Amino acid sequence: FGGAQRLRCVQSRFGLYCCFVVMASRQPLPPRPRKRSQIKLEAGEKGEAQDTFNNWYPARIVEVDERDNTVLIHFDGWNHRHDEWLAFDSSRLRGPSIDMEKRRRARKKTFEIGARVEAKWKHFGYYPATVLNKKENDMYAIRFEDNVEATVSSNSMRQIGRAV
């Protein structure tokens, strides 16, 4: 190895001595360069992350800590208590898969202003509504038949007919 060797003995609490060889290299090893993952390491960037049970899920980066070389990951659709700090070079972090991109594009729906739709009301099912306007991030302002207005995702709406 090319370093100095010395013997180190330590007494355990049971009175036994454990001895081992300590290698002291001539020069300290340079820090290993941190390999960045396959995705851009910026807040808001989407990709996939592996949970503690080794399953891959869509996720996004919430925060980047350049000092510790870590990113805070939020699993899409999960409670924030499952957010997790991962190293830049973690094997549990990767870019979006082709399947994930296909699913995301297939789910994206568009609705015209004035369109008659059925929209999900909280967790209670779908009810007839009219599209008032389109907002950003696939969100729509709608008015249910009982004149209650809400903002819902296009994934929570389905077309039922044309406005007259």
N, C-alpha and C. Protein backbone atom coordinates (compact mmCIF):
# COMPACT_ATOMS: atom_id res chain seq x y z
N PHE A 1 0.81 -1.19 0.00
CA PHE A 1 0.00 0.00 0.00
C PHE A 1 0.85 1.25 0.00
N GLY A 2 2.04 1.16 0.46
CA GLY A 2 2.94 2.29 0.43
C GLY A 2 2.74 3.27 1.58
N GLY A 3 2.18 2.85 2.68
CA GLY A 3 1.97 3.75 3.81
C GLY A 3 2.61 3.17 5.05
N ALA A 4 2.74 4.00 6.07
CA ALA A 4 3.30 3.54 7.34
C ALA A 4 2.26 2.70 8.06
N GLN A 5 2.72 1.68 8.76
CA GLN A 5 1.82 0.82 9.51
C GLN A 5 2.12 0.93 10.99
N ARG A 6 1.08 0.86 11.79
CA ARG A 6 1.30 0.81 13.23
C ARG A 6 0.21 -0.04 13.84
N LEU A 7 0.54 -0.62 14.98
CA LEU A 7 -0.38 -1.50 15.67
C LEU A 7 -1.12 -0.70 16.73
N ARG A 8 -2.42 -0.84 16.77
CA ARG A 8 -3.21 -0.12 17.77
C ARG A 8 -4.01 -1.13 18.57
N CYS A 9 -3.92 -1.05 19.89
CA CYS A 9 -4.64 -1.96 20.77
C CYS A 9 -5.60 -1.16 21.63
N VAL A 10 -6.79 -1.69 21.79
CA VAL A 10 -7.83 -1.02 22.57
C VAL A 10 -8.38 -2.03 23.56
N GLN A 11 -8.53 -1.58 24.81
CA GLN A 11 -9.09 -2.46 25.83
C GLN A 11 -10.60 -2.29 25.84
N SER A 12 -11.33 -3.41 25.77
CA SER A 12 -12.79 -3.35 25.82
C SER A 12 -13.24 -3.25 27.26
N ARG A 13 -14.50 -3.04 27.48
CA ARG A 13 -15.00 -2.91 28.85
C ARG A 13 -14.97 -4.25 29.60
N PHE A 14 -14.72 -5.34 28.88
CA PHE A 14 -14.62 -6.65 29.51
C PHE A 14 -13.17 -7.01 29.83
N GLY A 15 -12.25 -6.08 29.60
CA GLY A 15 -10.85 -6.31 29.90
C GLY A 15 -10.08 -6.97 28.78
N LEU A 16 -10.71 -7.23 27.64
CA LEU A 16 -10.03 -7.87 26.51
C LEU A 16 -9.37 -6.80 25.66
N TYR A 17 -8.26 -7.17 25.04
CA TYR A 17 -7.56 -6.24 24.16
C TYR A 17 -7.85 -6.62 22.71
N CYS A 18 -8.20 -5.65 21.93
CA CYS A 18 -8.38 -5.84 20.49
C CYS A 18 -7.27 -5.08 19.81
N CYS A 19 -6.53 -5.76 18.98
CA CYS A 19 -5.44 -5.10 18.28
C CYS A 19 -5.70 -5.15 16.79
N PHE A 20 -5.38 -4.07 16.11
CA PHE A 20 -5.54 -4.03 14.66
C PHE A 20 -4.47 -3.13 14.07
N VAL A 21 -4.23 -3.33 12.80
CA VAL A 21 -3.20 -2.57 12.08
C VAL A 21 -3.84 -1.32 11.50
N VAL A 22 -3.21 -0.19 11.74
CA VAL A 22 -3.67 1.08 11.19
C VAL A 22 -2.73 1.47 10.08
N MET A 23 -3.27 1.69 8.92
CA MET A 23 -2.46 2.11 7.77
C MET A 23 -2.51 3.63 7.68
N ALA A 24 -1.40 4.26 7.68
CA ALA A 24 -1.35 5.71 7.50
C ALA A 24 -0.71 5.98 6.15
N SER A 25 -1.46 6.52 5.23
CA SER A 25 -0.92 6.77 3.90
C SER A 25 -0.01 8.00 3.95
N ARG A 26 0.86 8.10 3.00
CA ARG A 26 1.79 9.23 2.96
C ARG A 26 1.06 10.54 2.71
N GLN A 27 0.06 10.49 1.87
CA GLN A 27 -0.71 11.69 1.57
C GLN A 27 -2.19 11.35 1.73
N PRO A 28 -2.97 12.32 2.19
CA PRO A 28 -4.40 12.04 2.27
C PRO A 28 -4.97 11.85 0.87
N LEU A 29 -5.93 10.96 0.78
CA LEU A 29 -6.57 10.71 -0.50
C LEU A 29 -7.40 11.92 -0.90
N PRO A 30 -7.38 12.28 -2.19
CA PRO A 30 -8.20 13.42 -2.62
C PRO A 30 -9.68 13.05 -2.50
N PRO A 31 -10.54 14.02 -2.24
CA PRO A 31 -11.96 13.70 -2.15
C PRO A 31 -12.47 13.18 -3.49
N ARG A 32 -13.31 12.16 -3.41
CA ARG A 32 -13.88 11.61 -4.62
C ARG A 32 -14.83 12.62 -5.25
N PRO A 33 -14.74 12.84 -6.54
CA PRO A 33 -15.69 13.80 -7.14
C PRO A 33 -17.11 13.25 -7.04
N ARG A 34 -18.04 14.12 -6.70
CA ARG A 34 -19.44 13.70 -6.56
C ARG A 34 -20.06 13.66 -7.95
N LYS A 35 -20.49 12.50 -8.34
CA LYS A 35 -21.14 12.34 -9.63
C LYS A 35 -22.60 12.77 -9.49
N ARG A 36 -23.04 13.66 -10.34
CA ARG A 36 -24.43 14.10 -10.27
C ARG A 36 -25.33 13.07 -10.94
N SER A 37 -26.58 13.06 -10.52
CA SER A 37 -27.52 12.10 -11.07
C SER A 37 -27.91 12.47 -12.49
N GLN A 38 -28.83 11.72 -13.07
CA GLN A 38 -29.24 11.90 -14.46
C GLN A 38 -30.17 13.10 -14.66
N ILE A 39 -30.66 13.69 -13.61
CA ILE A 39 -31.58 14.82 -13.77
C ILE A 39 -30.89 16.10 -13.35
N LYS A 40 -31.42 17.23 -13.85
CA LYS A 40 -30.90 18.52 -13.43
C LYS A 40 -31.20 18.68 -11.95
N LEU A 41 -30.23 19.13 -11.22
CA LEU A 41 -30.42 19.27 -9.78
C LEU A 41 -30.83 20.70 -9.45
N GLU A 42 -32.08 21.02 -9.80
CA GLU A 42 -32.64 22.33 -9.53
C GLU A 42 -34.02 22.14 -8.90
N ALA A 43 -34.39 23.07 -8.04
CA ALA A 43 -35.72 23.01 -7.41
C ALA A 43 -36.79 23.01 -8.49
N GLY A 44 -37.78 22.14 -8.34
CA GLY A 44 -38.87 22.03 -9.31
C GLY A 44 -38.63 21.00 -10.40
N GLU A 45 -37.42 20.52 -10.54
CA GLU A 45 -37.11 19.54 -11.58
C GLU A 45 -37.78 18.20 -11.27
N LYS A 46 -38.37 17.58 -12.29
CA LYS A 46 -39.08 16.32 -12.09
C LYS A 46 -38.21 15.14 -12.49
N GLY A 47 -38.46 14.03 -11.86
CA GLY A 47 -37.74 12.80 -12.15
C GLY A 47 -38.42 11.67 -11.42
N GLU A 48 -37.65 10.68 -11.07
CA GLU A 48 -38.16 9.55 -10.30
C GLU A 48 -37.22 9.30 -9.13
N ALA A 49 -37.80 8.86 -8.03
CA ALA A 49 -37.00 8.52 -6.85
C ALA A 49 -37.48 7.18 -6.31
N GLN A 50 -36.58 6.50 -5.68
CA GLN A 50 -36.87 5.17 -5.14
C GLN A 50 -37.19 5.31 -3.65
N ASP A 51 -38.31 4.71 -3.24
CA ASP A 51 -38.66 4.75 -1.82
C ASP A 51 -37.83 3.73 -1.06
N THR A 52 -38.05 3.64 0.24
CA THR A 52 -37.25 2.73 1.06
C THR A 52 -37.58 1.26 0.82
N PHE A 53 -38.66 0.98 0.06
CA PHE A 53 -39.01 -0.40 -0.29
C PHE A 53 -38.57 -0.76 -1.71
N ASN A 54 -37.70 0.09 -2.28
CA ASN A 54 -37.11 -0.11 -3.61
C ASN A 54 -38.10 0.00 -4.76
N ASN A 55 -39.18 0.74 -4.58
CA ASN A 55 -40.13 1.01 -5.66
C ASN A 55 -39.89 2.42 -6.20
N TRP A 56 -39.97 2.58 -7.53
CA TRP A 56 -39.73 3.88 -8.16
C TRP A 56 -41.05 4.62 -8.31
N TYR A 57 -41.03 5.93 -7.97
CA TYR A 57 -42.21 6.78 -8.06
C TYR A 57 -41.84 8.12 -8.67
N PRO A 58 -42.79 8.77 -9.35
CA PRO A 58 -42.53 10.13 -9.84
C PRO A 58 -42.26 11.05 -8.64
N ALA A 59 -41.30 11.93 -8.80
CA ALA A 59 -40.92 12.82 -7.71
C ALA A 59 -40.39 14.12 -8.29
N ARG A 60 -40.23 15.11 -7.43
CA ARG A 60 -39.63 16.37 -7.86
C ARG A 60 -38.68 16.87 -6.78
N ILE A 61 -37.74 17.69 -7.21
CA ILE A 61 -36.79 18.27 -6.28
C ILE A 61 -37.40 19.51 -5.66
N VAL A 62 -37.42 19.55 -4.35
CA VAL A 62 -37.99 20.68 -3.63
C VAL A 62 -36.90 21.69 -3.28
N GLU A 63 -35.74 21.20 -2.87
CA GLU A 63 -34.67 22.07 -2.40
C GLU A 63 -33.33 21.43 -2.72
N VAL A 64 -32.33 22.27 -2.98
CA VAL A 64 -30.98 21.79 -3.26
C VAL A 64 -30.03 22.38 -2.22
N ASP A 65 -29.22 21.52 -1.60
CA ASP A 65 -28.22 21.97 -0.64
C ASP A 65 -26.84 21.71 -1.23
N GLU A 66 -26.25 22.74 -1.85
CA GLU A 66 -24.94 22.59 -2.50
C GLU A 66 -23.84 22.31 -1.48
N ARG A 67 -24.00 22.82 -0.26
CA ARG A 67 -22.97 22.64 0.77
C ARG A 67 -22.83 21.17 1.15
N ASP A 68 -23.98 20.48 1.31
CA ASP A 68 -23.96 19.07 1.69
C ASP A 68 -24.09 18.13 0.50
N ASN A 69 -24.21 18.68 -0.72
CA ASN A 69 -24.40 17.88 -1.94
C ASN A 69 -25.62 16.97 -1.83
N THR A 70 -26.73 17.54 -1.37
CA THR A 70 -27.97 16.77 -1.24
C THR A 70 -29.14 17.53 -1.83
N VAL A 71 -30.20 16.79 -2.14
CA VAL A 71 -31.45 17.38 -2.64
C VAL A 71 -32.61 16.84 -1.81
N LEU A 72 -33.60 17.70 -1.59
CA LEU A 72 -34.81 17.27 -0.89
C LEU A 72 -35.81 16.82 -1.95
N ILE A 73 -36.26 15.58 -1.85
CA ILE A 73 -37.15 14.97 -2.83
C ILE A 73 -38.56 14.88 -2.25
N HIS A 74 -39.56 15.25 -3.09
CA HIS A 74 -40.96 15.07 -2.71
C HIS A 74 -41.58 14.09 -3.70
N PHE A 75 -42.14 13.01 -3.19
CA PHE A 75 -42.82 12.02 -4.03
C PHE A 75 -44.19 12.58 -4.40
N ASP A 76 -44.49 12.64 -5.70
CA ASP A 76 -45.76 13.20 -6.18
C ASP A 76 -46.94 12.44 -5.60
N GLY A 77 -47.89 13.18 -5.04
CA GLY A 77 -49.09 12.58 -4.49
C GLY A 77 -48.93 12.04 -3.08
N TRP A 78 -47.76 12.16 -2.50
CA TRP A 78 -47.50 11.66 -1.15
C TRP A 78 -47.53 12.81 -0.17
N ASN A 79 -47.73 12.50 1.08
CA ASN A 79 -47.67 13.47 2.15
C ASN A 79 -46.22 13.97 2.29
N HIS A 80 -46.05 15.21 2.71
CA HIS A 80 -44.70 15.78 2.84
C HIS A 80 -43.85 15.10 3.92
N ARG A 81 -44.47 14.35 4.80
CA ARG A 81 -43.66 13.66 5.82
C ARG A 81 -42.78 12.57 5.19
N HIS A 82 -43.07 12.20 3.94
CA HIS A 82 -42.25 11.21 3.24
C HIS A 82 -41.13 11.85 2.43
N ASP A 83 -41.04 13.21 2.43
CA ASP A 83 -39.95 13.88 1.72
C ASP A 83 -38.62 13.39 2.30
N GLU A 84 -37.62 13.35 1.44
CA GLU A 84 -36.37 12.73 1.86
C GLU A 84 -35.17 13.46 1.25
N TRP A 85 -34.11 13.62 2.02
CA TRP A 85 -32.86 14.19 1.51
C TRP A 85 -32.03 13.05 0.91
N LEU A 86 -31.61 13.23 -0.34
CA LEU A 86 -30.77 12.24 -1.03
C LEU A 86 -29.51 12.93 -1.53
N ALA A 87 -28.42 12.18 -1.59
CA ALA A 87 -27.16 12.71 -2.12
C ALA A 87 -27.28 12.91 -3.63
N PHE A 88 -26.49 13.88 -4.15
CA PHE A 88 -26.49 14.13 -5.59
C PHE A 88 -26.27 12.86 -6.39
N ASP A 89 -25.37 12.00 -5.90
CA ASP A 89 -25.00 10.80 -6.65
C ASP A 89 -25.76 9.56 -6.19
N SER A 90 -26.89 9.76 -5.53
CA SER A 90 -27.65 8.63 -5.01
C SER A 90 -28.18 7.75 -6.14
N SER A 91 -28.11 6.45 -5.93
CA SER A 91 -28.66 5.51 -6.91
C SER A 91 -30.18 5.49 -6.83
N ARG A 92 -30.76 6.16 -5.83
CA ARG A 92 -32.22 6.20 -5.66
C ARG A 92 -32.85 7.39 -6.37
N LEU A 93 -32.08 8.07 -7.23
CA LEU A 93 -32.55 9.24 -7.94
C LEU A 93 -32.25 9.09 -9.42
N ARG A 94 -33.24 9.32 -10.27
CA ARG A 94 -33.01 9.21 -11.71
C ARG A 94 -33.96 10.13 -12.46
N GLY A 95 -33.65 10.32 -13.73
CA GLY A 95 -34.50 11.15 -14.58
C GLY A 95 -35.81 10.44 -14.88
N PRO A 96 -36.76 11.17 -15.46
CA PRO A 96 -38.05 10.54 -15.75
C PRO A 96 -37.90 9.43 -16.78
N SER A 97 -38.60 8.34 -16.56
CA SER A 97 -38.54 7.22 -17.52
C SER A 97 -39.43 7.53 -18.71
N ILE A 98 -39.24 6.82 -19.77
CA ILE A 98 -40.05 7.01 -20.97
C ILE A 98 -41.50 6.69 -20.65
N ASP A 99 -41.75 5.64 -19.88
CA ASP A 99 -43.12 5.28 -19.50
C ASP A 99 -43.79 6.40 -18.72
N MET A 100 -43.04 7.02 -17.82
CA MET A 100 -43.60 8.10 -17.02
C MET A 100 -43.99 9.28 -17.91
N GLU A 101 -43.13 9.60 -18.89
CA GLU A 101 -43.42 10.70 -19.81
C GLU A 101 -44.65 10.38 -20.66
N LYS A 102 -44.77 9.13 -21.14
CA LYS A 102 -45.94 8.74 -21.94
C LYS A 102 -47.22 8.85 -21.12
N ARG A 103 -47.17 8.39 -19.87
CA ARG A 103 -48.35 8.47 -19.00
C ARG A 103 -48.73 9.92 -18.75
N ARG A 104 -47.72 10.78 -18.51
CA ARG A 104 -47.99 12.18 -18.23
C ARG A 104 -48.65 12.86 -19.43
N ARG A 105 -48.13 12.58 -20.64
CA ARG A 105 -48.71 13.17 -21.85
C ARG A 105 -50.11 12.64 -22.11
N ALA A 106 -50.33 11.35 -21.86
CA ALA A 106 -51.64 10.75 -22.09
C ALA A 106 -52.69 11.31 -21.13
N ARG A 107 -52.29 11.65 -19.91
CA ARG A 107 -53.22 12.18 -18.93
C ARG A 107 -53.61 13.61 -19.19
N LYS A 108 -52.77 14.35 -19.90
CA LYS A 108 -53.01 15.77 -20.11
C LYS A 108 -54.25 15.96 -20.99
N LYS A 109 -55.26 16.63 -20.44
CA LYS A 109 -56.49 16.87 -21.18
C LYS A 109 -56.68 18.38 -21.31
N THR A 110 -57.35 18.79 -22.38
CA THR A 110 -57.66 20.21 -22.54
C THR A 110 -59.17 20.36 -22.71
N PHE A 111 -59.69 21.46 -22.16
CA PHE A 111 -61.12 21.75 -22.22
C PHE A 111 -61.30 23.19 -22.68
N GLU A 112 -62.34 23.42 -23.48
CA GLU A 112 -62.64 24.77 -23.95
C GLU A 112 -63.46 25.51 -22.91
N ILE A 113 -63.33 26.84 -22.91
CA ILE A 113 -64.14 27.65 -22.02
C ILE A 113 -65.61 27.48 -22.41
N GLY A 114 -66.47 27.25 -21.44
CA GLY A 114 -67.88 27.02 -21.68
C GLY A 114 -68.24 25.56 -21.87
N ALA A 115 -67.23 24.68 -21.90
CA ALA A 115 -67.49 23.26 -22.11
C ALA A 115 -68.23 22.67 -20.90
N ARG A 116 -69.15 21.75 -21.18
CA ARG A 116 -69.85 21.02 -20.12
C ARG A 116 -68.99 19.84 -19.75
N VAL A 117 -68.71 19.71 -18.47
CA VAL A 117 -67.84 18.64 -17.98
C VAL A 117 -68.44 18.04 -16.73
N GLU A 118 -67.90 16.92 -16.34
CA GLU A 118 -68.13 16.39 -15.01
C GLU A 118 -66.81 16.59 -14.28
N ALA A 119 -66.90 17.15 -13.08
CA ALA A 119 -65.69 17.44 -12.32
C ALA A 119 -65.80 16.80 -10.95
N LYS A 120 -64.65 16.38 -10.44
CA LYS A 120 -64.61 15.74 -9.13
C LYS A 120 -64.76 16.81 -8.04
N TRP A 121 -65.69 16.57 -7.13
CA TRP A 121 -65.87 17.46 -5.98
C TRP A 121 -65.23 16.79 -4.78
N LYS A 122 -64.08 17.32 -4.37
CA LYS A 122 -63.30 16.77 -3.27
C LYS A 122 -63.15 15.26 -3.47
N HIS A 123 -63.63 14.44 -2.53
CA HIS A 123 -63.50 12.98 -2.70
C HIS A 123 -64.88 12.34 -2.85
N PHE A 124 -65.86 13.13 -3.26
CA PHE A 124 -67.24 12.64 -3.24
C PHE A 124 -67.80 12.25 -4.59
N GLY A 125 -67.02 12.24 -5.64
CA GLY A 125 -67.53 11.82 -6.93
C GLY A 125 -67.56 12.97 -7.94
N TYR A 126 -68.09 12.67 -9.13
CA TYR A 126 -68.14 13.63 -10.23
C TYR A 126 -69.52 14.26 -10.33
N TYR A 127 -69.54 15.59 -10.61
CA TYR A 127 -70.79 16.33 -10.75
C TYR A 127 -70.71 17.24 -11.96
N PRO A 128 -71.87 17.53 -12.61
CA PRO A 128 -71.87 18.40 -13.79
C PRO A 128 -71.37 19.80 -13.46
N ALA A 129 -70.59 20.37 -14.40
CA ALA A 129 -70.04 21.71 -14.21
C ALA A 129 -69.76 22.34 -15.57
N THR A 130 -69.44 23.63 -15.55
CA THR A 130 -69.09 24.38 -16.76
C THR A 130 -67.71 24.98 -16.56
N VAL A 131 -66.86 24.91 -17.61
CA VAL A 131 -65.52 25.47 -17.53
C VAL A 131 -65.62 26.99 -17.68
N LEU A 132 -65.06 27.72 -16.69
CA LEU A 132 -65.06 29.18 -16.73
C LEU A 132 -63.81 29.73 -17.41
N ASN A 133 -62.65 29.23 -17.03
CA ASN A 133 -61.40 29.62 -17.70
C ASN A 133 -60.28 28.66 -17.35
N LYS A 134 -59.21 28.74 -18.16
CA LYS A 134 -58.04 27.88 -17.94
C LYS A 134 -57.02 28.66 -17.14
N LYS A 135 -56.47 28.00 -16.14
CA LYS A 135 -55.39 28.59 -15.35
C LYS A 135 -54.10 27.87 -15.71
N GLU A 136 -53.03 28.19 -15.03
CA GLU A 136 -51.76 27.53 -15.35
C GLU A 136 -51.68 26.14 -14.72
N ASN A 137 -50.72 25.36 -15.19
CA ASN A 137 -50.44 24.01 -14.67
C ASN A 137 -51.63 23.06 -14.79
N ASP A 138 -52.32 23.08 -15.91
CA ASP A 138 -53.43 22.15 -16.16
C ASP A 138 -54.58 22.30 -15.18
N MET A 139 -54.78 23.50 -14.66
CA MET A 139 -55.87 23.76 -13.72
C MET A 139 -56.96 24.57 -14.45
N TYR A 140 -58.20 24.34 -14.05
CA TYR A 140 -59.34 25.04 -14.64
C TYR A 140 -60.25 25.59 -13.55
N ALA A 141 -60.78 26.79 -13.80
CA ALA A 141 -61.82 27.34 -12.93
C ALA A 141 -63.14 26.83 -13.49
N ILE A 142 -63.97 26.25 -12.64
CA ILE A 142 -65.25 25.69 -13.08
C ILE A 142 -66.36 26.16 -12.16
N ARG A 143 -67.61 26.03 -12.64
CA ARG A 143 -68.78 26.31 -11.82
C ARG A 143 -69.69 25.09 -11.89
N PHE A 144 -69.96 24.53 -10.71
CA PHE A 144 -70.89 23.40 -10.63
C PHE A 144 -72.31 23.91 -10.83
N GLU A 145 -73.26 23.01 -11.07
CA GLU A 145 -74.65 23.40 -11.32
C GLU A 145 -75.31 24.09 -10.13
N ASP A 146 -74.79 23.88 -8.93
CA ASP A 146 -75.36 24.57 -7.76
C ASP A 146 -74.66 25.91 -7.50
N ASN A 147 -73.95 26.44 -8.55
CA ASN A 147 -73.26 27.73 -8.55
C ASN A 147 -72.05 27.80 -7.62
N VAL A 148 -71.53 26.67 -7.18
CA VAL A 148 -70.29 26.65 -6.41
C VAL A 148 -69.14 26.65 -7.41
N GLU A 149 -68.19 27.60 -7.22
CA GLU A 149 -67.04 27.67 -8.11
C GLU A 149 -65.83 27.02 -7.44
N ALA A 150 -65.00 26.38 -8.27
CA ALA A 150 -63.83 25.69 -7.76
C ALA A 150 -62.74 25.69 -8.81
N THR A 151 -61.53 25.40 -8.39
CA THR A 151 -60.40 25.22 -9.31
C THR A 151 -59.98 23.76 -9.21
N VAL A 152 -59.98 23.08 -10.35
CA VAL A 152 -59.64 21.65 -10.36
C VAL A 152 -58.65 21.34 -11.46
N SER A 153 -57.95 20.25 -11.30
CA SER A 153 -56.99 19.76 -12.29
C SER A 153 -57.74 19.13 -13.46
N SER A 154 -57.12 19.15 -14.63
CA SER A 154 -57.74 18.51 -15.79
C SER A 154 -57.89 17.00 -15.56
N ASN A 155 -57.07 16.42 -14.70
CA ASN A 155 -57.18 15.00 -14.39
C ASN A 155 -58.43 14.69 -13.58
N SER A 156 -59.04 15.72 -12.99
CA SER A 156 -60.26 15.53 -12.19
C SER A 156 -61.50 15.94 -12.97
N MET A 157 -61.38 16.03 -14.28
CA MET A 157 -62.51 16.42 -15.13
C MET A 157 -62.66 15.45 -16.29
N ARG A 158 -63.91 15.35 -16.77
CA ARG A 158 -64.15 14.57 -18.00
C ARG A 158 -65.26 15.26 -18.79
N GLN A 159 -65.14 15.19 -20.11
CA GLN A 159 -66.07 15.86 -21.02
C GLN A 159 -67.42 15.11 -21.02
N ILE A 160 -68.54 15.88 -21.03
CA ILE A 160 -69.85 15.22 -21.12
C ILE A 160 -70.70 15.76 -22.26
N GLY A 161 -70.30 16.84 -22.87
CA GLY A 161 -71.08 17.39 -23.98
C GLY A 161 -70.61 18.78 -24.31
N ARG A 162 -71.17 19.37 -25.35
CA ARG A 162 -70.78 20.70 -25.79
C ARG A 162 -71.70 21.75 -25.21
N ALA A 163 -71.15 22.96 -24.95
CA ALA A 163 -71.97 24.08 -24.49
C ALA A 163 -72.82 24.59 -25.64
N VAL A 164 -74.02 25.03 -25.34
CA VAL A 164 -74.94 25.51 -26.37
C VAL A 164 -74.72 26.97 -26.64
